[in-house]
Amino acid sequence: MSLKEKFEAAMAESKNLPERPDNMTLLKIYALFKQGSSGDVEGSRPGFTDMVGRAKYDAWAALKGTSADDAMQQYIDLIESLK
């Protein structure tokens, strides 16, 4: 099974976790997913009134420079640890 296939399987599994992760873990899942699937963050940081968008942007921006393969593997490992 290739890394991409494992990543896609982990995406499917992330929707069926036994319990909802805390917000910080959810942000990490989001950031690793975006870095693994889209690469480095693009666009401008959301404004002060968009707190959720801003938190997501900051979490993704923190991974800038991480390779897509590394992000995919970290995503897979994180989902496995939450099962």
N, C-alpha and C. Protein backbone atom coordinates (compact mmCIF):
# COMPACT_ATOMS: atom_id res chain seq x y z
N MET A 1 0.85 -1.18 0.00
CA MET A 1 0.00 0.00 0.00
C MET A 1 0.90 1.25 0.00
N SER A 2 0.67 2.14 -0.93
CA SER A 2 1.50 3.34 -1.04
C SER A 2 1.14 4.34 0.06
N LEU A 3 2.00 5.32 0.25
CA LEU A 3 1.76 6.35 1.26
C LEU A 3 0.46 7.10 0.96
N LYS A 4 0.24 7.38 -0.32
CA LYS A 4 -0.99 8.09 -0.72
C LYS A 4 -2.23 7.26 -0.38
N GLU A 5 -2.17 5.96 -0.62
CA GLU A 5 -3.30 5.08 -0.30
C GLU A 5 -3.53 5.01 1.22
N LYS A 6 -2.44 4.95 1.99
CA LYS A 6 -2.56 4.94 3.45
C LYS A 6 -3.17 6.26 3.94
N PHE A 7 -2.73 7.37 3.32
CA PHE A 7 -3.25 8.69 3.67
C PHE A 7 -4.75 8.75 3.41
N GLU A 8 -5.18 8.26 2.25
CA GLU A 8 -6.61 8.26 1.92
C GLU A 8 -7.40 7.36 2.86
N ALA A 9 -6.82 6.23 3.26
CA ALA A 9 -7.49 5.34 4.21
C ALA A 9 -7.61 6.03 5.57
N ALA A 10 -6.56 6.74 5.99
CA ALA A 10 -6.60 7.46 7.26
C ALA A 10 -7.64 8.57 7.22
N MET A 11 -7.81 9.21 6.06
CA MET A 11 -8.85 10.24 5.92
C MET A 11 -10.22 9.64 6.19
N ALA A 12 -10.47 8.46 5.63
CA ALA A 12 -11.76 7.79 5.83
C ALA A 12 -11.92 7.39 7.30
N GLU A 13 -10.85 6.89 7.90
CA GLU A 13 -10.90 6.46 9.29
C GLU A 13 -11.11 7.64 10.24
N SER A 14 -10.63 8.83 9.85
CA SER A 14 -10.74 10.01 10.72
C SER A 14 -12.20 10.38 10.97
N LYS A 15 -13.09 9.97 10.08
CA LYS A 15 -14.51 10.28 10.23
C LYS A 15 -15.21 9.30 11.18
N ASN A 16 -14.52 8.22 11.52
CA ASN A 16 -15.13 7.17 12.37
C ASN A 16 -14.34 6.94 13.65
N LEU A 17 -13.75 7.97 14.21
CA LEU A 17 -13.00 7.82 15.45
C LEU A 17 -13.97 7.52 16.59
N PRO A 18 -13.52 6.76 17.59
CA PRO A 18 -14.42 6.39 18.69
C PRO A 18 -14.93 7.60 19.48
N GLU A 19 -14.12 8.65 19.60
CA GLU A 19 -14.58 9.86 20.27
C GLU A 19 -13.99 11.08 19.58
N ARG A 20 -14.67 12.21 19.74
CA ARG A 20 -14.23 13.44 19.09
C ARG A 20 -12.96 13.95 19.78
N PRO A 21 -11.88 14.19 19.01
CA PRO A 21 -10.65 14.72 19.61
C PRO A 21 -10.86 16.15 20.13
N ASP A 22 -9.96 16.58 21.03
CA ASP A 22 -10.04 17.94 21.54
C ASP A 22 -9.67 18.93 20.41
N ASN A 23 -9.92 20.20 20.63
CA ASN A 23 -9.73 21.21 19.59
C ASN A 23 -8.29 21.30 19.10
N MET A 24 -7.32 21.18 19.99
CA MET A 24 -5.91 21.26 19.56
C MET A 24 -5.56 20.09 18.65
N THR A 25 -6.08 18.92 18.97
CA THR A 25 -5.83 17.74 18.13
C THR A 25 -6.53 17.90 16.79
N LEU A 26 -7.74 18.45 16.80
CA LEU A 26 -8.46 18.69 15.55
C LEU A 26 -7.69 19.66 14.65
N LEU A 27 -7.10 20.70 15.26
CA LEU A 27 -6.30 21.64 14.48
C LEU A 27 -5.08 20.95 13.88
N LYS A 28 -4.45 20.06 14.65
CA LYS A 28 -3.28 19.34 14.14
C LYS A 28 -3.69 18.42 12.99
N ILE A 29 -4.82 17.73 13.13
CA ILE A 29 -5.33 16.88 12.06
C ILE A 29 -5.56 17.71 10.80
N TYR A 30 -6.23 18.86 10.97
CA TYR A 30 -6.51 19.75 9.84
C TYR A 30 -5.22 20.20 9.17
N ALA A 31 -4.28 20.68 9.98
CA ALA A 31 -3.03 21.21 9.43
C ALA A 31 -2.23 20.14 8.69
N LEU A 32 -2.14 18.96 9.27
CA LEU A 32 -1.40 17.88 8.61
C LEU A 32 -2.09 17.45 7.31
N PHE A 33 -3.43 17.42 7.34
CA PHE A 33 -4.17 17.07 6.13
C PHE A 33 -3.89 18.09 5.03
N LYS A 34 -4.00 19.38 5.37
CA LYS A 34 -3.80 20.43 4.37
C LYS A 34 -2.35 20.42 3.84
N GLN A 35 -1.38 20.25 4.74
CA GLN A 35 0.02 20.23 4.31
C GLN A 35 0.28 19.02 3.43
N GLY A 36 -0.30 17.88 3.79
CA GLY A 36 -0.10 16.66 3.01
C GLY A 36 -0.79 16.68 1.67
N SER A 37 -1.94 17.35 1.59
CA SER A 37 -2.70 17.35 0.34
C SER A 37 -2.46 18.59 -0.52
N SER A 38 -2.15 19.73 0.10
CA SER A 38 -2.03 20.98 -0.67
C SER A 38 -0.66 21.64 -0.60
N GLY A 39 0.19 21.20 0.31
CA GLY A 39 1.50 21.84 0.45
C GLY A 39 1.42 23.04 1.39
N ASP A 40 2.42 23.93 1.26
CA ASP A 40 2.49 25.09 2.15
C ASP A 40 1.26 25.97 2.05
N VAL A 41 0.96 26.63 3.17
CA VAL A 41 -0.20 27.52 3.27
C VAL A 41 -0.11 28.64 2.23
N GLU A 42 -1.26 29.01 1.69
CA GLU A 42 -1.34 30.08 0.69
C GLU A 42 -2.39 31.08 1.14
N GLY A 43 -2.35 32.26 0.56
CA GLY A 43 -3.36 33.27 0.86
C GLY A 43 -3.00 34.05 2.10
N SER A 44 -3.87 34.99 2.43
CA SER A 44 -3.61 35.83 3.58
C SER A 44 -4.32 35.28 4.82
N ARG A 45 -3.80 35.67 5.96
CA ARG A 45 -4.36 35.22 7.23
C ARG A 45 -5.74 35.84 7.43
N PRO A 46 -6.72 35.04 7.85
CA PRO A 46 -8.07 35.59 8.08
C PRO A 46 -8.05 36.71 9.12
N GLY A 47 -9.04 37.56 9.05
CA GLY A 47 -9.13 38.70 9.94
C GLY A 47 -9.43 38.32 11.38
N PHE A 48 -9.34 39.30 12.25
CA PHE A 48 -9.51 39.13 13.69
C PHE A 48 -10.87 38.54 14.05
N THR A 49 -11.90 38.84 13.27
CA THR A 49 -13.24 38.37 13.59
C THR A 49 -13.47 36.90 13.25
N ASP A 50 -12.61 36.33 12.41
CA ASP A 50 -12.73 34.92 12.02
C ASP A 50 -11.77 34.09 12.87
N MET A 51 -12.16 33.83 14.11
CA MET A 51 -11.26 33.14 15.05
C MET A 51 -10.95 31.70 14.62
N VAL A 52 -11.94 30.98 14.12
CA VAL A 52 -11.73 29.59 13.70
C VAL A 52 -10.82 29.55 12.48
N GLY A 53 -11.12 30.38 11.49
CA GLY A 53 -10.30 30.43 10.29
C GLY A 53 -8.87 30.82 10.60
N ARG A 54 -8.72 31.74 11.53
CA ARG A 54 -7.39 32.21 11.93
C ARG A 54 -6.61 31.08 12.61
N ALA A 55 -7.27 30.33 13.49
CA ALA A 55 -6.62 29.21 14.18
C ALA A 55 -6.19 28.13 13.18
N LYS A 56 -7.07 27.84 12.23
CA LYS A 56 -6.74 26.85 11.20
C LYS A 56 -5.56 27.31 10.36
N TYR A 57 -5.58 28.59 9.96
CA TYR A 57 -4.50 29.15 9.14
C TYR A 57 -3.17 29.06 9.91
N ASP A 58 -3.19 29.46 11.19
CA ASP A 58 -1.97 29.45 12.00
C ASP A 58 -1.42 28.04 12.17
N ALA A 59 -2.32 27.07 12.39
CA ALA A 59 -1.89 25.68 12.56
C ALA A 59 -1.24 25.16 11.27
N TRP A 60 -1.84 25.50 10.14
CA TRP A 60 -1.28 25.06 8.85
C TRP A 60 0.02 25.79 8.57
N ALA A 61 0.09 27.09 8.86
CA ALA A 61 1.30 27.88 8.61
C ALA A 61 2.47 27.38 9.45
N ALA A 62 2.19 26.82 10.62
CA ALA A 62 3.25 26.30 11.49
C ALA A 62 3.98 25.12 10.85
N LEU A 63 3.35 24.47 9.88
CA LEU A 63 3.95 23.31 9.20
C LEU A 63 4.68 23.71 7.91
N LYS A 64 4.78 24.99 7.63
CA LYS A 64 5.42 25.46 6.40
C LYS A 64 6.81 24.85 6.26
N GLY A 65 7.09 24.31 5.10
CA GLY A 65 8.39 23.69 4.84
C GLY A 65 8.40 22.19 5.07
N THR A 66 7.36 21.65 5.71
CA THR A 66 7.25 20.20 5.91
C THR A 66 6.88 19.57 4.57
N SER A 67 7.58 18.52 4.19
CA SER A 67 7.28 17.89 2.92
C SER A 67 5.90 17.22 2.98
N ALA A 68 5.29 17.07 1.82
CA ALA A 68 3.97 16.44 1.75
C ALA A 68 4.04 15.02 2.29
N ASP A 69 5.10 14.29 1.97
CA ASP A 69 5.24 12.91 2.45
C ASP A 69 5.35 12.85 3.97
N ASP A 70 6.13 13.76 4.55
CA ASP A 70 6.25 13.80 6.02
C ASP A 70 4.90 14.11 6.66
N ALA A 71 4.18 15.09 6.09
CA ALA A 71 2.89 15.48 6.64
C ALA A 71 1.89 14.32 6.53
N MET A 72 1.90 13.63 5.40
CA MET A 72 1.00 12.48 5.23
C MET A 72 1.30 11.41 6.27
N GLN A 73 2.59 11.12 6.49
CA GLN A 73 2.95 10.08 7.46
C GLN A 73 2.55 10.50 8.88
N GLN A 74 2.76 11.77 9.23
CA GLN A 74 2.37 12.25 10.55
C GLN A 74 0.85 12.18 10.72
N TYR A 75 0.12 12.49 9.66
CA TYR A 75 -1.34 12.42 9.68
C TYR A 75 -1.79 10.98 9.93
N ILE A 76 -1.20 10.05 9.19
CA ILE A 76 -1.54 8.62 9.34
C ILE A 76 -1.25 8.17 10.77
N ASP A 77 -0.07 8.54 11.30
CA ASP A 77 0.31 8.13 12.66
C ASP A 77 -0.64 8.73 13.69
N LEU A 78 -1.05 9.99 13.50
CA LEU A 78 -1.94 10.64 14.45
C LEU A 78 -3.32 9.97 14.46
N ILE A 79 -3.85 9.69 13.28
CA ILE A 79 -5.16 9.02 13.20
C ILE A 79 -5.08 7.64 13.83
N GLU A 80 -3.99 6.91 13.57
CA GLU A 80 -3.83 5.58 14.18
C GLU A 80 -3.81 5.68 15.70
N SER A 81 -3.16 6.71 16.24
CA SER A 81 -3.07 6.85 17.70
C SER A 81 -4.41 7.21 18.34
N LEU A 82 -5.33 7.76 17.55
CA LEU A 82 -6.64 8.16 18.07
C LEU A 82 -7.69 7.05 17.98
N LYS A 83 -7.36 5.96 17.28
CA LYS A 83 -8.34 4.87 17.11
C LYS A 83 -8.49 4.06 18.37
